[in-house]
Amino acid sequence: MKASAIADLVGGELIGDGDVDITSVAAAATASDGEIAFFDKGEGDVGSAACVIVGRSFAGDAKGVLIRVDDPKLRSR
C-alpha cells in the first residue's frame, strides 16, 4: 500500500513522498525500508522506518515519510 493511501485512510497530513510502498508494520526503533511505525512522543528520532505516523506537534527527526495525525495511538471503538 502506498503511504498516500495510508494517510487518506487515517485522515492524516502526508509529509514527503506519497509513492513509498509500505509492506509491513514494525516498532519505530526497529523499522526499516517498506515498514510503517507510529511514534507517540512529541520529539525525538523515529528511526529508519519508511513511514512514521506521528502526532501533529511532532518536532523530531525522520529519515522517511511522515503522516501527521491528531492521535498516533488512536484505537477503534
PDB file of N, CA and C in Angstrom:
ATOM      1  N   MET A   1       0.855  -1.172   0.000  1.00  0.00           N
ATOM      2  CA  MET A   1       0.000   0.000   0.000  1.00  0.00           C
ATOM      3  C   MET A   1       0.904   1.239   0.000  1.00  0.00           C
ATOM      4  N   LYS A   2       0.515   2.233  -0.726  1.00  0.00           N
ATOM      5  CA  LYS A   2       1.271   3.492  -0.792  1.00  0.00           C
ATOM      6  C   LYS A   2       1.055   4.323   0.473  1.00  0.00           C
ATOM      7  N   ALA A   3       2.065   5.096   0.850  1.00  0.00           N
ATOM      8  CA  ALA A   3       1.965   5.967   2.019  1.00  0.00           C
ATOM      9  C   ALA A   3       0.816   6.951   1.863  1.00  0.00           C
ATOM     10  N   SER A   4       0.576   7.433   0.652  1.00  0.00           N
ATOM     11  CA  SER A   4      -0.531   8.380   0.427  1.00  0.00           C
ATOM     12  C   SER A   4      -1.884   7.737   0.724  1.00  0.00           C
ATOM     13  N   ALA A   5      -2.045   6.468   0.405  1.00  0.00           N
ATOM     14  CA  ALA A   5      -3.304   5.765   0.689  1.00  0.00           C
ATOM     15  C   ALA A   5      -3.494   5.591   2.191  1.00  0.00           C
ATOM     16  N   ILE A   6      -2.406   5.335   2.905  1.00  0.00           N
ATOM     17  CA  ILE A   6      -2.487   5.205   4.364  1.00  0.00           C
ATOM     18  C   ILE A   6      -2.856   6.546   4.982  1.00  0.00           C
ATOM     19  N   ALA A   7      -2.251   7.622   4.493  1.00  0.00           N
ATOM     20  CA  ALA A   7      -2.575   8.960   5.007  1.00  0.00           C
ATOM     21  C   ALA A   7      -4.056   9.262   4.801  1.00  0.00           C
ATOM     22  N   ASP A   8      -4.590   8.925   3.643  1.00  0.00           N
ATOM     23  CA  ASP A   8      -6.016   9.132   3.378  1.00  0.00           C
ATOM     24  C   ASP A   8      -6.865   8.289   4.325  1.00  0.00           C
ATOM     25  N   LEU A   9      -6.462   7.045   4.529  1.00  0.00           N
ATOM     26  CA  LEU A   9      -7.203   6.118   5.378  1.00  0.00           C
ATOM     27  C   LEU A   9      -7.315   6.610   6.820  1.00  0.00           C
ATOM     28  N   VAL A  10      -6.226   7.182   7.339  1.00  0.00           N
ATOM     29  CA  VAL A  10      -6.215   7.636   8.739  1.00  0.00           C
ATOM     30  C   VAL A  10      -6.539   9.121   8.879  1.00  0.00           C
ATOM     31  N   GLY A  11      -6.791   9.800   7.777  1.00  0.00           N
ATOM     32  CA  GLY A  11      -7.119  11.222   7.821  1.00  0.00           C
ATOM     33  C   GLY A  11      -5.949  12.074   8.245  1.00  0.00           C
ATOM     34  N   GLY A  12      -4.749  11.679   7.815  1.00  0.00           N
ATOM     35  CA  GLY A  12      -3.547  12.389   8.216  1.00  0.00           C
ATOM     36  C   GLY A  12      -2.976  13.296   7.150  1.00  0.00           C
ATOM     37  N   GLU A  13      -2.041  14.126   7.561  1.00  0.00           N
ATOM     38  CA  GLU A  13      -1.331  15.042   6.661  1.00  0.00           C
ATOM     39  C   GLU A  13      -0.031  14.366   6.237  1.00  0.00           C
ATOM     40  N   LEU A  14       0.124  14.130   4.951  1.00  0.00           N
ATOM     41  CA  LEU A  14       1.310  13.467   4.406  1.00  0.00           C
ATOM     42  C   LEU A  14       2.451  14.455   4.241  1.00  0.00           C
ATOM     43  N   ILE A  15       3.610  14.108   4.770  1.00  0.00           N
ATOM     44  CA  ILE A  15       4.815  14.913   4.610  1.00  0.00           C
ATOM     45  C   ILE A  15       5.847  14.019   3.926  1.00  0.00           C
ATOM     46  N   GLY A  16       6.153  14.302   2.669  1.00  0.00           N
ATOM     47  CA  GLY A  16       7.136  13.508   1.943  1.00  0.00           C
ATOM     48  C   GLY A  16       6.520  12.779   0.761  1.00  0.00           C
ATOM     49  N   ASP A  17       7.210  11.747   0.302  1.00  0.00           N
ATOM     50  CA  ASP A  17       6.861  11.007  -0.904  1.00  0.00           C
ATOM     51  C   ASP A  17       5.700  10.046  -0.663  1.00  0.00           C
ATOM     52  N   GLY A  18       4.554  10.356  -1.201  1.00  0.00           N
ATOM     53  CA  GLY A  18       3.371   9.513  -1.042  1.00  0.00           C
ATOM     54  C   GLY A  18       3.419   8.218  -1.811  1.00  0.00           C
ATOM     55  N   ASP A  19       4.393   8.067  -2.723  1.00  0.00           N
ATOM     56  CA  ASP A  19       4.511   6.847  -3.515  1.00  0.00           C
ATOM     57  C   ASP A  19       5.327   5.750  -2.836  1.00  0.00           C
ATOM     58  N   VAL A  20       5.809   5.998  -1.627  1.00  0.00           N
ATOM     59  CA  VAL A  20       6.571   4.982  -0.893  1.00  0.00           C
ATOM     60  C   VAL A  20       5.664   3.789  -0.618  1.00  0.00           C
ATOM     61  N   ASP A  21       6.152   2.580  -0.948  1.00  0.00           N
ATOM     62  CA  ASP A  21       5.389   1.353  -0.704  1.00  0.00           C
ATOM     63  C   ASP A  21       5.598   0.868   0.718  1.00  0.00           C
ATOM     64  N   ILE A  22       4.493   0.588   1.396  1.00  0.00           N
ATOM     65  CA  ILE A  22       4.536   0.064   2.755  1.00  0.00           C
ATOM     66  C   ILE A  22       4.052  -1.383   2.693  1.00  0.00           C
ATOM     67  N   THR A  23       4.865  -2.296   3.214  1.00  0.00           N
ATOM     68  CA  THR A  23       4.532  -3.715   3.144  1.00  0.00           C
ATOM     69  C   THR A  23       4.282  -4.352   4.497  1.00  0.00           C
ATOM     70  N   SER A  24       4.716  -3.682   5.590  1.00  0.00           N
ATOM     71  CA  SER A  24       4.506  -4.255   6.918  1.00  0.00           C
ATOM     72  C   SER A  24       4.609  -3.181   7.984  1.00  0.00           C
ATOM     73  N   VAL A  25       4.294  -3.590   9.211  1.00  0.00           N
ATOM     74  CA  VAL A  25       4.310  -2.702  10.369  1.00  0.00           C
ATOM     75  C   VAL A  25       5.429  -3.157  11.305  1.00  0.00           C
ATOM     76  N   ALA A  26       6.088  -2.204  11.954  1.00  0.00           N
ATOM     77  CA  ALA A  26       7.164  -2.540  12.896  1.00  0.00           C
ATOM     78  C   ALA A  26       7.228  -1.480  13.994  1.00  0.00           C
ATOM     79  N   ALA A  27       7.961  -1.788  15.037  1.00  0.00           N
ATOM     80  CA  ALA A  27       8.219  -0.809  16.099  1.00  0.00           C
ATOM     81  C   ALA A  27       9.134   0.272  15.540  1.00  0.00           C
ATOM     82  N   ALA A  28       8.958   1.501  15.987  1.00  0.00           N
ATOM     83  CA  ALA A  28       9.759   2.616  15.474  1.00  0.00           C
ATOM     84  C   ALA A  28      11.259   2.366  15.633  1.00  0.00           C
ATOM     85  N   ALA A  29      11.663   1.738  16.718  1.00  0.00           N
ATOM     86  CA  ALA A  29      13.085   1.507  16.992  1.00  0.00           C
ATOM     87  C   ALA A  29      13.722   0.502  16.036  1.00  0.00           C
ATOM     88  N   THR A  30      12.916  -0.375  15.424  1.00  0.00           N
ATOM     89  CA  THR A  30      13.484  -1.429  14.575  1.00  0.00           C
ATOM     90  C   THR A  30      13.010  -1.372  13.130  1.00  0.00           C
ATOM     91  N   ALA A  31      12.104  -0.473  12.802  1.00  0.00           N
ATOM     92  CA  ALA A  31      11.542  -0.404  11.452  1.00  0.00           C
ATOM     93  C   ALA A  31      12.598  -0.007  10.423  1.00  0.00           C
ATOM     94  N   SER A  32      12.390  -0.478   9.184  1.00  0.00           N
ATOM     95  CA  SER A  32      13.317  -0.166   8.097  1.00  0.00           C
ATOM     96  C   SER A  32      12.536   0.011   6.799  1.00  0.00           C
ATOM     97  N   ASP A  33      13.193  -0.153   5.668  1.00  0.00           N
ATOM     98  CA  ASP A  33      12.558   0.039   4.358  1.00  0.00           C
ATOM     99  C   ASP A  33      11.277  -0.777   4.237  1.00  0.00           C
ATOM    100  N   GLY A  34      10.241  -0.144   3.727  1.00  0.00           N
ATOM    101  CA  GLY A  34       8.981  -0.816   3.488  1.00  0.00           C
ATOM    102  C   GLY A  34       8.100  -0.962   4.715  1.00  0.00           C
ATOM    103  N   GLU A  35       8.547  -0.468   5.851  1.00  0.00           N
ATOM    104  CA  GLU A  35       7.788  -0.635   7.087  1.00  0.00           C
ATOM    105  C   GLU A  35       7.260   0.697   7.607  1.00  0.00           C
ATOM    106  N   ILE A  36       6.096   0.632   8.236  1.00  0.00           N
ATOM    107  CA  ILE A  36       5.483   1.794   8.865  1.00  0.00           C
ATOM    108  C   ILE A  36       5.476   1.572  10.372  1.00  0.00           C
ATOM    109  N   ALA A  37       5.609   2.652  11.108  1.00  0.00           N
ATOM    110  CA  ALA A  37       5.601   2.601  12.571  1.00  0.00           C
ATOM    111  C   ALA A  37       4.826   3.801  13.082  1.00  0.00           C
ATOM    112  N   PHE A  38       4.522   3.808  14.364  1.00  0.00           N
ATOM    113  CA  PHE A  38       3.944   5.009  14.962  1.00  0.00           C
ATOM    114  C   PHE A  38       4.868   5.477  16.069  1.00  0.00           C
ATOM    115  N   PHE A  39       4.842   6.764  16.305  1.00  0.00           N
ATOM    116  CA  PHE A  39       5.704   7.391  17.306  1.00  0.00           C
ATOM    117  C   PHE A  39       4.828   8.365  18.067  1.00  0.00           C
ATOM    118  N   ASP A  40       4.643   8.120  19.353  1.00  0.00           N
ATOM    119  CA  ASP A  40       3.695   8.936  20.113  1.00  0.00           C
ATOM    120  C   ASP A  40       4.335  10.002  20.982  1.00  0.00           C
ATOM    121  N   LYS A  41       5.639  10.212  20.854  1.00  0.00           N
ATOM    122  CA  LYS A  41       6.310  11.265  21.613  1.00  0.00           C
ATOM    123  C   LYS A  41       6.327  12.544  20.777  1.00  0.00           C
ATOM    124  N   GLY A  42       6.448  13.679  21.429  1.00  0.00           N
ATOM    125  CA  GLY A  42       6.430  14.962  20.741  1.00  0.00           C
ATOM    126  C   GLY A  42       7.681  15.281  19.964  1.00  0.00           C
ATOM    127  N   GLU A  43       8.791  14.626  20.327  1.00  0.00           N
ATOM    128  CA  GLU A  43      10.044  14.851  19.601  1.00  0.00           C
ATOM    129  C   GLU A  43      10.947  13.649  19.791  1.00  0.00           C
ATOM    130  N   GLY A  44      11.989  13.598  18.987  1.00  0.00           N
ATOM    131  CA  GLY A  44      12.943  12.501  19.075  1.00  0.00           C
ATOM    132  C   GLY A  44      13.247  11.937  17.706  1.00  0.00           C
ATOM    133  N   ASP A  45      14.076  10.912  17.687  1.00  0.00           N
ATOM    134  CA  ASP A  45      14.480  10.241  16.457  1.00  0.00           C
ATOM    135  C   ASP A  45      13.544   9.066  16.237  1.00  0.00           C
ATOM    136  N   VAL A  46      12.846   9.034  15.125  1.00  0.00           N
ATOM    137  CA  VAL A  46      11.888   7.967  14.860  1.00  0.00           C
ATOM    138  C   VAL A  46      12.520   6.762  14.171  1.00  0.00           C
ATOM    139  N   GLY A  47      13.823   6.758  14.004  1.00  0.00           N
ATOM    140  CA  GLY A  47      14.494   5.603  13.410  1.00  0.00           C
ATOM    141  C   GLY A  47      14.492   5.637  11.897  1.00  0.00           C
ATOM    142  N   SER A  48      14.547   4.459  11.306  1.00  0.00           N
ATOM    143  CA  SER A  48      14.710   4.340   9.856  1.00  0.00           C
ATOM    144  C   SER A  48      13.484   3.802   9.136  1.00  0.00           C
ATOM    145  N   ALA A  49      12.316   3.939   9.726  1.00  0.00           N
ATOM    146  CA  ALA A  49      11.087   3.473   9.079  1.00  0.00           C
ATOM    147  C   ALA A  49      10.864   4.213   7.768  1.00  0.00           C
ATOM    148  N   ALA A  50      10.259   3.520   6.809  1.00  0.00           N
ATOM    149  CA  ALA A  50       9.923   4.164   5.539  1.00  0.00           C
ATOM    150  C   ALA A  50       8.857   5.234   5.739  1.00  0.00           C
ATOM    151  N   CYS A  51       7.981   5.003   6.730  1.00  0.00           N
ATOM    152  CA  CYS A  51       6.887   5.922   7.018  1.00  0.00           C
ATOM    153  C   CYS A  51       6.573   5.841   8.503  1.00  0.00           C
ATOM    154  N   VAL A  52       6.313   6.991   9.114  1.00  0.00           N
ATOM    155  CA  VAL A  52       6.001   7.024  10.543  1.00  0.00           C
ATOM    156  C   VAL A  52       4.756   7.872  10.764  1.00  0.00           C
ATOM    157  N   ILE A  53       3.824   7.328  11.538  1.00  0.00           N
ATOM    158  CA  ILE A  53       2.645   8.081  11.947  1.00  0.00           C
ATOM    159  C   ILE A  53       3.003   8.795  13.244  1.00  0.00           C
ATOM    160  N   VAL A  54       2.882  10.108  13.232  1.00  0.00           N
ATOM    161  CA  VAL A  54       3.259  10.940  14.384  1.00  0.00           C
ATOM    162  C   VAL A  54       2.115  11.893  14.730  1.00  0.00           C
ATOM    163  N   GLY A  55       2.188  12.475  15.912  1.00  0.00           N
ATOM    164  CA  GLY A  55       1.225  13.497  16.305  1.00  0.00           C
ATOM    165  C   GLY A  55       1.463  14.785  15.534  1.00  0.00           C
ATOM    166  N   ARG A  56       0.478  15.617  15.495  1.00  0.00           N
ATOM    167  CA  ARG A  56       0.597  16.876  14.740  1.00  0.00           C
ATOM    168  C   ARG A  56       1.681  17.798  15.299  1.00  0.00           C
ATOM    169  N   SER A  57       2.001  17.662  16.573  1.00  0.00           N
ATOM    170  CA  SER A  57       3.008  18.528  17.189  1.00  0.00           C
ATOM    171  C   SER A  57       4.419  17.934  17.122  1.00  0.00           C
ATOM    172  N   PHE A  58       4.606  16.832  16.424  1.00  0.00           N
ATOM    173  CA  PHE A  58       5.919  16.189  16.345  1.00  0.00           C
ATOM    174  C   PHE A  58       6.968  17.150  15.809  1.00  0.00           C
ATOM    175  N   ALA A  59       8.112  17.214  16.493  1.00  0.00           N
ATOM    176  CA  ALA A  59       9.184  18.128  16.092  1.00  0.00           C
ATOM    177  C   ALA A  59      10.520  17.410  16.021  1.00  0.00           C
ATOM    178  N   GLY A  60      10.500  16.115  15.781  1.00  0.00           N
ATOM    179  CA  GLY A  60      11.742  15.350  15.769  1.00  0.00           C
ATOM    180  C   GLY A  60      12.306  15.144  14.382  1.00  0.00           C
ATOM    181  N   ASP A  61      13.240  14.210  14.295  1.00  0.00           N
ATOM    182  CA  ASP A  61      13.914  13.889  13.039  1.00  0.00           C
ATOM    183  C   ASP A  61      13.306  12.641  12.413  1.00  0.00           C
ATOM    184  N   ALA A  62      13.197  12.645  11.108  1.00  0.00           N
ATOM    185  CA  ALA A  62      12.693  11.479  10.385  1.00  0.00           C
ATOM    186  C   ALA A  62      13.461  11.326   9.084  1.00  0.00           C
ATOM    187  N   LYS A  63      13.803  10.091   8.759  1.00  0.00           N
ATOM    188  CA  LYS A  63      14.506   9.814   7.506  1.00  0.00           C
ATOM    189  C   LYS A  63      13.530   9.531   6.370  1.00  0.00           C
ATOM    190  N   GLY A  64      12.314   9.126   6.713  1.00  0.00           N
ATOM    191  CA  GLY A  64      11.324   8.758   5.710  1.00  0.00           C
ATOM    192  C   GLY A  64      10.133   9.696   5.696  1.00  0.00           C
ATOM    193  N   VAL A  65       9.026   9.165   5.278  1.00  0.00           N
ATOM    194  CA  VAL A  65       7.774   9.897   5.154  1.00  0.00           C
ATOM    195  C   VAL A  65       7.097   9.995   6.520  1.00  0.00           C
ATOM    196  N   LEU A  66       6.454  11.120   6.766  1.00  0.00           N
ATOM    197  CA  LEU A  66       5.663  11.291   7.985  1.00  0.00           C
ATOM    198  C   LEU A  66       4.190  11.419   7.622  1.00  0.00           C
ATOM    199  N   ILE A  67       3.343  10.898   8.506  1.00  0.00           N
ATOM    200  CA  ILE A  67       1.912  11.147   8.429  1.00  0.00           C
ATOM    201  C   ILE A  67       1.524  11.738   9.774  1.00  0.00           C
ATOM    202  N   ARG A  68       1.128  13.009   9.755  1.00  0.00           N
ATOM    203  CA  ARG A  68       0.739  13.697  10.993  1.00  0.00           C
ATOM    204  C   ARG A  68      -0.754  13.484  11.243  1.00  0.00           C
ATOM    205  N   VAL A  69      -1.073  13.053  12.471  1.00  0.00           N
ATOM    206  CA  VAL A  69      -2.461  12.808  12.870  1.00  0.00           C
ATOM    207  C   VAL A  69      -2.693  13.415  14.250  1.00  0.00           C
ATOM    208  N   ASP A  70      -3.949  13.507  14.648  1.00  0.00           N
ATOM    209  CA  ASP A  70      -4.266  14.049  15.969  1.00  0.00           C
ATOM    210  C   ASP A  70      -3.767  13.136  17.074  1.00  0.00           C
ATOM    211  N   ASP A  71      -3.921  11.822  16.925  1.00  0.00           N
ATOM    212  CA  ASP A  71      -3.523  10.861  17.955  1.00  0.00           C
ATOM    213  C   ASP A  71      -2.935   9.626  17.287  1.00  0.00           C
ATOM    214  N   PRO A  72      -1.596   9.470  17.303  1.00  0.00           N
ATOM    215  CA  PRO A  72      -0.978   8.340  16.612  1.00  0.00           C
ATOM    216  C   PRO A  72      -1.328   6.973  17.205  1.00  0.00           C
ATOM    217  N   LYS A  73      -1.851   6.948  18.422  1.00  0.00           N
ATOM    218  CA  LYS A  73      -2.215   5.671  19.056  1.00  0.00           C
ATOM    219  C   LYS A  73      -3.714   5.457  19.108  1.00  0.00           C
ATOM    220  N   LEU A  74      -4.466   6.203  18.316  1.00  0.00           N
ATOM    221  CA  LEU A  74      -5.915   6.106  18.326  1.00  0.00           C
ATOM    222  C   LEU A  74      -6.358   4.673  18.063  1.00  0.00           C
ATOM    223  N   ARG A  75      -7.206   4.189  18.924  1.00  0.00           N
ATOM    224  CA  ARG A  75      -7.719   2.827  18.786  1.00  0.00           C
ATOM    225  C   ARG A  75      -9.185   2.898  18.372  1.00  0.00           C
ATOM    226  N   SER A  76      -9.605   1.924  17.597  1.00  0.00           N
ATOM    227  CA  SER A  76     -11.015   1.904  17.194  1.00  0.00           C
ATOM    228  C   SER A  76     -11.889   1.541  18.399  1.00  0.00           C
ATOM    229  N   ARG A  77     -13.093   1.976  18.356  1.00  0.00           N
ATOM    230  CA  ARG A  77     -14.014   1.700  19.466  1.00  0.00           C
ATOM    231  C   ARG A  77     -14.841   0.485  19.182  1.00  0.00           C
TER     232      ARG A  77
END
